Amino acid sequence: MPKPANAEEGVFSIFSDLASTLGYSPVHGKIIGALLSEDEPIAMQDLAKKTGYSTGMISLSLDLLEVLGVIKEVKKPGDRKLYVQLDGDLLTILKKAVTMRLRKGIDSSLADLANRRKEIMKLEGEKRKRLLKTVDTLESEIKRLEKYVNLLSGIRLP
């Protein structure tokens, strides 16, 4: 991995790496880092310059971040530019990112297990019995994890 050109880029790359670790695009991390470094809402064009991404890529990424509740759009009177800012503190944003990623994985896994169960039901004998027991165990543990994720998402941060 190439060394960042300057300190600001180095800080943004930390956010980029964290976003990747959580299963999001590096651009999302850089956007969050850039917004965190600003005291006021920033225009999308300035955000593109600050992160090194095109305005098209920034626009697309902002759409997802807005859906996730990480950023919000801000209008300035007499200005036609689109401004954005973080919607909450960093820990709240990270909590949202983690819980949403976990929920997506849980939903996907449960749907996949339901489909596998249908396939297993076509089998006979000991193999069917063994595979159904495995699917039941896995489904039970995933649902248990889902309860913890729901608890985590409901915890109010200090």
N, C-alpha and C. Protein backbone atom coordinates (compact mmCIF):
# COMPACT_ATOMS: atom_id res chain seq x y z
N MET A 1 0.86 -1.18 0.00
CA MET A 1 0.00 0.00 0.00
C MET A 1 0.90 1.24 0.00
N PRO A 2 0.67 2.19 -0.93
CA PRO A 2 1.51 3.37 -0.99
C PRO A 2 1.33 4.27 0.22
N LYS A 3 2.41 4.95 0.58
CA LYS A 3 2.38 5.86 1.71
C LYS A 3 1.56 7.10 1.34
N PRO A 4 0.66 7.56 2.25
CA PRO A 4 -0.13 8.77 1.97
C PRO A 4 0.77 9.98 1.70
N ALA A 5 0.31 10.84 0.80
CA ALA A 5 1.09 12.00 0.37
C ALA A 5 1.25 13.03 1.48
N ASN A 6 0.27 13.16 2.37
CA ASN A 6 0.34 14.15 3.43
C ASN A 6 -0.42 13.64 4.66
N ALA A 7 -0.32 14.42 5.74
CA ALA A 7 -0.94 14.00 7.00
C ALA A 7 -2.45 13.84 6.88
N GLU A 8 -3.10 14.79 6.20
CA GLU A 8 -4.55 14.72 6.05
C GLU A 8 -4.95 13.45 5.30
N GLU A 9 -4.25 13.18 4.22
CA GLU A 9 -4.54 11.96 3.45
C GLU A 9 -4.28 10.72 4.31
N GLY A 10 -3.27 10.78 5.17
CA GLY A 10 -2.99 9.66 6.07
C GLY A 10 -4.11 9.41 7.04
N VAL A 11 -4.68 10.48 7.57
CA VAL A 11 -5.81 10.35 8.49
C VAL A 11 -7.01 9.77 7.74
N PHE A 12 -7.28 10.29 6.56
CA PHE A 12 -8.41 9.80 5.77
C PHE A 12 -8.25 8.33 5.41
N SER A 13 -7.00 7.89 5.18
CA SER A 13 -6.78 6.49 4.82
C SER A 13 -7.09 5.57 6.01
N ILE A 14 -6.94 6.07 7.24
CA ILE A 14 -7.32 5.28 8.41
C ILE A 14 -8.83 5.02 8.38
N PHE A 15 -9.60 6.06 8.09
CA PHE A 15 -11.06 5.90 7.98
C PHE A 15 -11.41 4.97 6.82
N SER A 16 -10.67 5.10 5.73
CA SER A 16 -10.89 4.25 4.56
C SER A 16 -10.66 2.79 4.91
N ASP A 17 -9.58 2.51 5.63
CA ASP A 17 -9.27 1.14 6.05
C ASP A 17 -10.33 0.59 7.00
N LEU A 18 -10.80 1.44 7.92
CA LEU A 18 -11.84 1.03 8.85
C LEU A 18 -13.13 0.69 8.12
N ALA A 19 -13.50 1.53 7.14
CA ALA A 19 -14.71 1.26 6.35
C ALA A 19 -14.58 -0.08 5.63
N SER A 20 -13.41 -0.34 5.07
CA SER A 20 -13.18 -1.62 4.38
C SER A 20 -13.30 -2.79 5.34
N THR A 21 -12.76 -2.63 6.54
CA THR A 21 -12.83 -3.68 7.55
C THR A 21 -14.29 -4.00 7.90
N LEU A 22 -15.12 -2.95 7.92
CA LEU A 22 -16.55 -3.14 8.25
C LEU A 22 -17.37 -3.60 7.05
N GLY A 23 -16.72 -3.75 5.89
CA GLY A 23 -17.43 -4.24 4.71
C GLY A 23 -18.01 -3.14 3.83
N TYR A 24 -17.59 -1.92 4.05
CA TYR A 24 -18.04 -0.80 3.23
C TYR A 24 -16.91 -0.37 2.30
N SER A 25 -17.23 0.49 1.36
CA SER A 25 -16.24 0.97 0.41
C SER A 25 -15.27 1.93 1.07
N PRO A 26 -14.00 1.92 0.66
CA PRO A 26 -13.04 2.88 1.20
C PRO A 26 -13.48 4.33 1.02
N VAL A 27 -14.21 4.63 -0.06
CA VAL A 27 -14.66 6.00 -0.28
C VAL A 27 -15.58 6.46 0.85
N HIS A 28 -16.39 5.55 1.39
CA HIS A 28 -17.27 5.91 2.51
C HIS A 28 -16.44 6.34 3.72
N GLY A 29 -15.38 5.62 3.99
CA GLY A 29 -14.50 5.98 5.10
C GLY A 29 -13.83 7.32 4.89
N LYS A 30 -13.36 7.57 3.67
CA LYS A 30 -12.71 8.86 3.40
C LYS A 30 -13.70 10.01 3.54
N ILE A 31 -14.92 9.79 3.10
CA ILE A 31 -15.95 10.84 3.23
C ILE A 31 -16.19 11.14 4.71
N ILE A 32 -16.33 10.11 5.51
CA ILE A 32 -16.56 10.31 6.94
C ILE A 32 -15.38 11.03 7.57
N GLY A 33 -14.17 10.63 7.22
CA GLY A 33 -12.98 11.30 7.74
C GLY A 33 -12.94 12.77 7.35
N ALA A 34 -13.26 13.04 6.09
CA ALA A 34 -13.26 14.43 5.60
C ALA A 34 -14.33 15.26 6.31
N LEU A 35 -15.51 14.69 6.48
CA LEU A 35 -16.58 15.43 7.16
C LEU A 35 -16.25 15.66 8.63
N LEU A 36 -15.60 14.68 9.23
CA LEU A 36 -15.23 14.81 10.64
C LEU A 36 -14.20 15.93 10.83
N SER A 37 -13.40 16.17 9.80
CA SER A 37 -12.35 17.20 9.92
C SER A 37 -12.88 18.61 9.68
N GLU A 38 -14.15 18.72 9.32
CA GLU A 38 -14.76 20.03 9.05
C GLU A 38 -15.67 20.45 10.20
N ASP A 39 -15.65 21.73 10.51
CA ASP A 39 -16.53 22.26 11.55
C ASP A 39 -17.91 22.63 11.02
N GLU A 40 -18.01 22.77 9.71
CA GLU A 40 -19.26 23.19 9.07
C GLU A 40 -19.58 22.23 7.93
N PRO A 41 -20.82 22.25 7.45
CA PRO A 41 -21.16 21.44 6.27
C PRO A 41 -20.23 21.79 5.11
N ILE A 42 -19.95 20.81 4.28
CA ILE A 42 -19.03 20.98 3.16
C ILE A 42 -19.75 20.68 1.85
N ALA A 43 -19.45 21.47 0.83
CA ALA A 43 -20.06 21.26 -0.49
C ALA A 43 -19.53 19.96 -1.10
N MET A 44 -20.38 19.29 -1.85
CA MET A 44 -20.01 18.03 -2.46
C MET A 44 -18.76 18.17 -3.32
N GLN A 45 -18.64 19.25 -4.07
CA GLN A 45 -17.48 19.47 -4.93
C GLN A 45 -16.20 19.59 -4.09
N ASP A 46 -16.29 20.26 -2.95
CA ASP A 46 -15.13 20.40 -2.06
C ASP A 46 -14.78 19.06 -1.42
N LEU A 47 -15.79 18.28 -1.14
CA LEU A 47 -15.58 16.95 -0.58
C LEU A 47 -14.86 16.07 -1.60
N ALA A 48 -15.22 16.21 -2.86
CA ALA A 48 -14.55 15.45 -3.92
C ALA A 48 -13.07 15.83 -3.98
N LYS A 49 -12.78 17.11 -3.93
CA LYS A 49 -11.38 17.56 -3.96
C LYS A 49 -10.62 17.05 -2.74
N LYS A 50 -11.24 17.13 -1.60
CA LYS A 50 -10.60 16.76 -0.34
C LYS A 50 -10.27 15.26 -0.29
N THR A 51 -11.14 14.43 -0.87
CA THR A 51 -10.96 12.98 -0.82
C THR A 51 -10.23 12.42 -2.03
N GLY A 52 -10.21 13.19 -3.12
CA GLY A 52 -9.57 12.70 -4.33
C GLY A 52 -10.47 11.85 -5.22
N TYR A 53 -11.75 11.80 -4.91
CA TYR A 53 -12.71 11.04 -5.71
C TYR A 53 -13.49 12.00 -6.61
N SER A 54 -14.07 11.46 -7.67
CA SER A 54 -14.87 12.28 -8.58
C SER A 54 -16.18 12.69 -7.89
N THR A 55 -16.80 13.76 -8.38
CA THR A 55 -18.08 14.18 -7.80
C THR A 55 -19.14 13.10 -8.01
N GLY A 56 -19.06 12.38 -9.12
CA GLY A 56 -20.01 11.29 -9.36
C GLY A 56 -19.90 10.20 -8.31
N MET A 57 -18.65 9.81 -7.99
CA MET A 57 -18.42 8.78 -6.98
C MET A 57 -18.85 9.28 -5.60
N ILE A 58 -18.57 10.55 -5.32
CA ILE A 58 -18.97 11.14 -4.03
C ILE A 58 -20.49 11.16 -3.93
N SER A 59 -21.16 11.58 -4.99
CA SER A 59 -22.62 11.65 -5.00
C SER A 59 -23.23 10.29 -4.73
N LEU A 60 -22.74 9.27 -5.42
CA LEU A 60 -23.25 7.91 -5.25
C LEU A 60 -23.01 7.42 -3.82
N SER A 61 -21.84 7.71 -3.30
CA SER A 61 -21.50 7.27 -1.94
C SER A 61 -22.30 8.02 -0.89
N LEU A 62 -22.56 9.29 -1.13
CA LEU A 62 -23.36 10.08 -0.19
C LEU A 62 -24.78 9.54 -0.10
N ASP A 63 -25.30 9.05 -1.23
CA ASP A 63 -26.65 8.47 -1.23
C ASP A 63 -26.74 7.33 -0.21
N LEU A 64 -25.75 6.43 -0.24
CA LEU A 64 -25.76 5.31 0.70
C LEU A 64 -25.58 5.80 2.13
N LEU A 65 -24.64 6.72 2.33
CA LEU A 65 -24.41 7.23 3.69
C LEU A 65 -25.65 7.93 4.25
N GLU A 66 -26.41 8.55 3.37
CA GLU A 66 -27.65 9.20 3.83
C GLU A 66 -28.69 8.15 4.22
N VAL A 67 -28.81 7.11 3.41
CA VAL A 67 -29.74 6.02 3.73
C VAL A 67 -29.36 5.37 5.07
N LEU A 68 -28.06 5.25 5.31
CA LEU A 68 -27.59 4.66 6.56
C LEU A 68 -27.76 5.60 7.75
N GLY A 69 -28.10 6.85 7.48
CA GLY A 69 -28.26 7.82 8.55
C GLY A 69 -26.95 8.38 9.07
N VAL A 70 -25.89 8.28 8.26
CA VAL A 70 -24.57 8.74 8.66
C VAL A 70 -24.39 10.23 8.37
N ILE A 71 -24.96 10.68 7.25
CA ILE A 71 -24.83 12.09 6.86
C ILE A 71 -26.21 12.67 6.61
N LYS A 72 -26.23 14.00 6.55
CA LYS A 72 -27.47 14.65 6.14
C LYS A 72 -27.11 15.82 5.22
N GLU A 73 -28.02 16.09 4.31
CA GLU A 73 -27.84 17.20 3.39
C GLU A 73 -28.26 18.50 4.06
N VAL A 74 -27.56 19.56 3.71
CA VAL A 74 -27.84 20.87 4.29
C VAL A 74 -27.95 21.87 3.15
N LYS A 75 -28.96 22.70 3.20
CA LYS A 75 -29.13 23.79 2.21
C LYS A 75 -28.69 25.09 2.86
N LYS A 76 -27.99 25.90 2.09
CA LYS A 76 -27.60 27.23 2.56
C LYS A 76 -28.39 28.24 1.75
N PRO A 77 -29.01 29.20 2.43
CA PRO A 77 -29.83 30.20 1.74
C PRO A 77 -29.01 30.93 0.65
N GLY A 78 -29.61 31.03 -0.52
CA GLY A 78 -28.98 31.73 -1.63
C GLY A 78 -27.87 30.97 -2.31
N ASP A 79 -27.66 29.70 -1.95
CA ASP A 79 -26.60 28.89 -2.54
C ASP A 79 -27.21 27.63 -3.13
N ARG A 80 -26.88 27.33 -4.37
CA ARG A 80 -27.47 26.16 -5.04
C ARG A 80 -26.67 24.89 -4.82
N LYS A 81 -25.49 25.01 -4.22
CA LYS A 81 -24.65 23.83 -3.99
C LYS A 81 -25.28 22.91 -2.95
N LEU A 82 -24.94 21.64 -3.05
CA LEU A 82 -25.36 20.65 -2.07
C LEU A 82 -24.27 20.54 -1.01
N TYR A 83 -24.66 20.75 0.24
CA TYR A 83 -23.73 20.63 1.36
C TYR A 83 -24.13 19.41 2.19
N VAL A 84 -23.13 18.80 2.81
CA VAL A 84 -23.39 17.64 3.66
C VAL A 84 -22.60 17.78 4.96
N GLN A 85 -23.12 17.10 5.98
CA GLN A 85 -22.43 17.04 7.27
C GLN A 85 -22.75 15.71 7.92
N LEU A 86 -21.93 15.32 8.89
CA LEU A 86 -22.21 14.10 9.63
C LEU A 86 -23.48 14.28 10.43
N ASP A 87 -24.22 13.19 10.57
CA ASP A 87 -25.46 13.22 11.35
C ASP A 87 -25.24 12.40 12.62
N GLY A 88 -24.56 12.99 13.58
CA GLY A 88 -24.26 12.30 14.82
C GLY A 88 -22.76 12.24 15.06
N ASP A 89 -22.42 11.68 16.21
CA ASP A 89 -21.00 11.58 16.54
C ASP A 89 -20.41 10.30 15.94
N LEU A 90 -19.10 10.20 15.97
CA LEU A 90 -18.40 9.10 15.32
C LEU A 90 -18.80 7.74 15.89
N LEU A 91 -18.92 7.62 17.19
CA LEU A 91 -19.27 6.33 17.78
C LEU A 91 -20.67 5.89 17.36
N THR A 92 -21.60 6.83 17.29
CA THR A 92 -22.95 6.52 16.84
C THR A 92 -22.92 6.05 15.39
N ILE A 93 -22.12 6.72 14.58
CA ILE A 93 -22.00 6.35 13.17
C ILE A 93 -21.40 4.95 13.03
N LEU A 94 -20.36 4.67 13.79
CA LEU A 94 -19.74 3.33 13.74
C LEU A 94 -20.72 2.26 14.21
N LYS A 95 -21.49 2.58 15.25
CA LYS A 95 -22.49 1.62 15.75
C LYS A 95 -23.51 1.31 14.66
N LYS A 96 -23.99 2.35 13.97
CA LYS A 96 -24.94 2.14 12.87
C LYS A 96 -24.33 1.27 11.78
N ALA A 97 -23.10 1.58 11.41
CA ALA A 97 -22.44 0.84 10.34
C ALA A 97 -22.28 -0.64 10.70
N VAL A 98 -21.84 -0.90 11.92
CA VAL A 98 -21.62 -2.28 12.36
C VAL A 98 -22.95 -3.04 12.44
N THR A 99 -23.96 -2.43 13.08
CA THR A 99 -25.22 -3.15 13.24
C THR A 99 -25.94 -3.36 11.91
N MET A 100 -25.85 -2.39 11.01
CA MET A 100 -26.48 -2.58 9.71
C MET A 100 -25.79 -3.68 8.91
N ARG A 101 -24.47 -3.73 8.97
CA ARG A 101 -23.72 -4.77 8.26
C ARG A 101 -24.05 -6.13 8.87
N LEU A 102 -24.11 -6.22 10.19
CA LEU A 102 -24.44 -7.49 10.83
C LEU A 102 -25.86 -7.93 10.48
N ARG A 103 -26.81 -6.99 10.51
CA ARG A 103 -28.19 -7.34 10.15
C ARG A 103 -28.29 -7.86 8.72
N LYS A 104 -27.57 -7.22 7.83
CA LYS A 104 -27.58 -7.66 6.43
C LYS A 104 -27.04 -9.09 6.33
N GLY A 105 -25.95 -9.37 7.03
CA GLY A 105 -25.38 -10.72 7.03
C GLY A 105 -26.31 -11.73 7.65
N ILE A 106 -26.96 -11.35 8.73
CA ILE A 106 -27.91 -12.24 9.40
C ILE A 106 -29.09 -12.55 8.49
N ASP A 107 -29.67 -11.53 7.89
CA ASP A 107 -30.81 -11.73 6.99
C ASP A 107 -30.44 -12.63 5.82
N SER A 108 -29.27 -12.38 5.25
CA SER A 108 -28.80 -13.17 4.11
C SER A 108 -28.58 -14.63 4.52
N SER A 109 -27.97 -14.82 5.69
CA SER A 109 -27.70 -16.18 6.16
C SER A 109 -28.99 -16.95 6.45
N LEU A 110 -29.95 -16.28 7.07
CA LEU A 110 -31.23 -16.95 7.38
C LEU A 110 -31.98 -17.30 6.10
N ALA A 111 -31.94 -16.42 5.11
CA ALA A 111 -32.60 -16.71 3.82
C ALA A 111 -31.90 -17.88 3.14
N ASP A 112 -30.58 -17.89 3.17
CA ASP A 112 -29.82 -18.98 2.56
C ASP A 112 -30.10 -20.31 3.27
N LEU A 113 -30.18 -20.27 4.59
CA LEU A 113 -30.50 -21.49 5.33
C LEU A 113 -31.89 -22.02 4.99
N ALA A 114 -32.85 -21.13 4.80
CA ALA A 114 -34.20 -21.55 4.42
C ALA A 114 -34.17 -22.26 3.07
N ASN A 115 -33.40 -21.72 2.14
CA ASN A 115 -33.28 -22.36 0.83
C ASN A 115 -32.57 -23.72 0.93
N ARG A 116 -31.54 -23.79 1.74
CA ARG A 116 -30.82 -25.06 1.93
C ARG A 116 -31.73 -26.10 2.58
N ARG A 117 -32.57 -25.64 3.50
CA ARG A 117 -33.48 -26.56 4.18
C ARG A 117 -34.41 -27.24 3.16
N LYS A 118 -34.87 -26.45 2.17
CA LYS A 118 -35.74 -27.00 1.13
C LYS A 118 -35.00 -28.07 0.33
N GLU A 119 -33.73 -27.82 0.04
CA GLU A 119 -32.93 -28.80 -0.70
C GLU A 119 -32.71 -30.05 0.14
N ILE A 120 -32.44 -29.86 1.42
CA ILE A 120 -32.18 -30.98 2.32
C ILE A 120 -33.42 -31.85 2.46
N MET A 121 -34.59 -31.24 2.43
CA MET A 121 -35.84 -32.00 2.58
C MET A 121 -36.04 -32.99 1.44
N LYS A 122 -35.35 -32.79 0.34
CA LYS A 122 -35.44 -33.72 -0.80
C LYS A 122 -34.57 -34.96 -0.58
N LEU A 123 -33.67 -34.88 0.39
CA LEU A 123 -32.81 -36.01 0.70
C LEU A 123 -33.54 -37.01 1.60
N GLU A 124 -32.92 -38.16 1.77
CA GLU A 124 -33.52 -39.18 2.63
C GLU A 124 -32.51 -39.70 3.62
N GLY A 125 -33.02 -40.34 4.64
CA GLY A 125 -32.18 -41.08 5.56
C GLY A 125 -31.34 -40.25 6.51
N GLU A 126 -30.21 -40.87 6.86
CA GLU A 126 -29.31 -40.31 7.87
C GLU A 126 -28.69 -38.98 7.43
N LYS A 127 -28.39 -38.85 6.15
CA LYS A 127 -27.80 -37.61 5.65
C LYS A 127 -28.78 -36.44 5.86
N ARG A 128 -30.04 -36.67 5.53
CA ARG A 128 -31.06 -35.63 5.73
C ARG A 128 -31.15 -35.24 7.20
N LYS A 129 -31.21 -36.24 8.07
CA LYS A 129 -31.33 -36.00 9.49
C LYS A 129 -30.13 -35.20 10.01
N ARG A 130 -28.92 -35.58 9.60
CA ARG A 130 -27.70 -34.92 10.05
C ARG A 130 -27.65 -33.48 9.55
N LEU A 131 -27.98 -33.26 8.29
CA LEU A 131 -27.94 -31.91 7.72
C LEU A 131 -29.01 -31.01 8.32
N LEU A 132 -30.19 -31.55 8.58
CA LEU A 132 -31.25 -30.75 9.21
C LEU A 132 -30.84 -30.32 10.62
N LYS A 133 -30.19 -31.24 11.35
CA LYS A 133 -29.72 -30.90 12.69
C LYS A 133 -28.68 -29.77 12.61
N THR A 134 -27.79 -29.85 11.63
CA THR A 134 -26.77 -28.81 11.45
C THR A 134 -27.41 -27.48 11.11
N VAL A 135 -28.38 -27.49 10.19
CA VAL A 135 -29.07 -26.25 9.81
C VAL A 135 -29.85 -25.69 10.99
N ASP A 136 -30.50 -26.55 11.76
CA ASP A 136 -31.24 -26.09 12.94
C ASP A 136 -30.31 -25.41 13.95
N THR A 137 -29.16 -26.03 14.18
CA THR A 137 -28.19 -25.46 15.12
C THR A 137 -27.69 -24.11 14.62
N LEU A 138 -27.32 -24.04 13.37
CA LEU A 138 -26.80 -22.79 12.81
C LEU A 138 -27.88 -21.70 12.83
N GLU A 139 -29.09 -22.05 12.46
CA GLU A 139 -30.19 -21.09 12.47
C GLU A 139 -30.45 -20.58 13.89
N SER A 140 -30.40 -21.46 14.85
CA SER A 140 -30.62 -21.08 16.24
C SER A 140 -29.53 -20.11 16.71
N GLU A 141 -28.29 -20.37 16.36
CA GLU A 141 -27.19 -19.50 16.77
C GLU A 141 -27.24 -18.14 16.06
N ILE A 142 -27.64 -18.14 14.81
CA ILE A 142 -27.77 -16.87 14.08
C ILE A 142 -28.89 -16.03 14.68
N LYS A 143 -29.99 -16.68 15.05
CA LYS A 143 -31.10 -15.95 15.69
C LYS A 143 -30.67 -15.43 17.06
N ARG A 144 -29.84 -16.17 17.73
CA ARG A 144 -29.30 -15.72 19.01
C ARG A 144 -28.42 -14.49 18.80
N LEU A 145 -27.58 -14.52 17.77
CA LEU A 145 -26.76 -13.37 17.42
C LEU A 145 -27.63 -12.17 17.07
N GLU A 146 -28.72 -12.43 16.37
CA GLU A 146 -29.65 -11.36 15.98
C GLU A 146 -30.20 -10.64 17.22
N LYS A 147 -30.48 -11.39 18.27
CA LYS A 147 -30.97 -10.78 19.51
C LYS A 147 -29.92 -9.83 20.09
N TYR A 148 -28.66 -10.24 20.06
CA TYR A 148 -27.58 -9.39 20.58
C TYR A 148 -27.39 -8.15 19.71
N VAL A 149 -27.51 -8.30 18.41
CA VAL A 149 -27.39 -7.15 17.51
C VAL A 149 -28.53 -6.17 17.78
N ASN A 150 -29.73 -6.68 17.99
CA ASN A 150 -30.87 -5.81 18.32
C ASN A 150 -30.65 -5.09 19.64
N LEU A 151 -30.09 -5.79 20.61
CA LEU A 151 -29.77 -5.14 21.90
C LEU A 151 -28.72 -4.04 21.69
N LEU A 152 -27.69 -4.34 20.92
CA LEU A 152 -26.64 -3.37 20.65
C LEU A 152 -27.20 -2.13 19.96
N SER A 153 -28.06 -2.34 18.99
CA SER A 153 -28.60 -1.19 18.26
C SER A 153 -29.51 -0.34 19.13
N GLY A 154 -30.07 -0.92 20.19
CA GLY A 154 -30.96 -0.20 21.06
C GLY A 154 -30.25 0.51 22.21
N ILE A 155 -28.97 0.22 22.39
CA ILE A 155 -28.23 0.84 23.49
C ILE A 155 -27.95 2.29 23.17
N ARG A 156 -28.28 3.13 24.12
CA ARG A 156 -27.99 4.57 23.95
C ARG A 156 -26.56 4.80 24.39
N LEU A 157 -25.81 5.45 23.53
CA LEU A 157 -24.41 5.70 23.83
C LEU A 157 -24.25 6.90 24.74
N PRO A 158 -23.25 6.86 25.62
CA PRO A 158 -23.03 7.98 26.54
C PRO A 158 -22.50 9.21 25.81
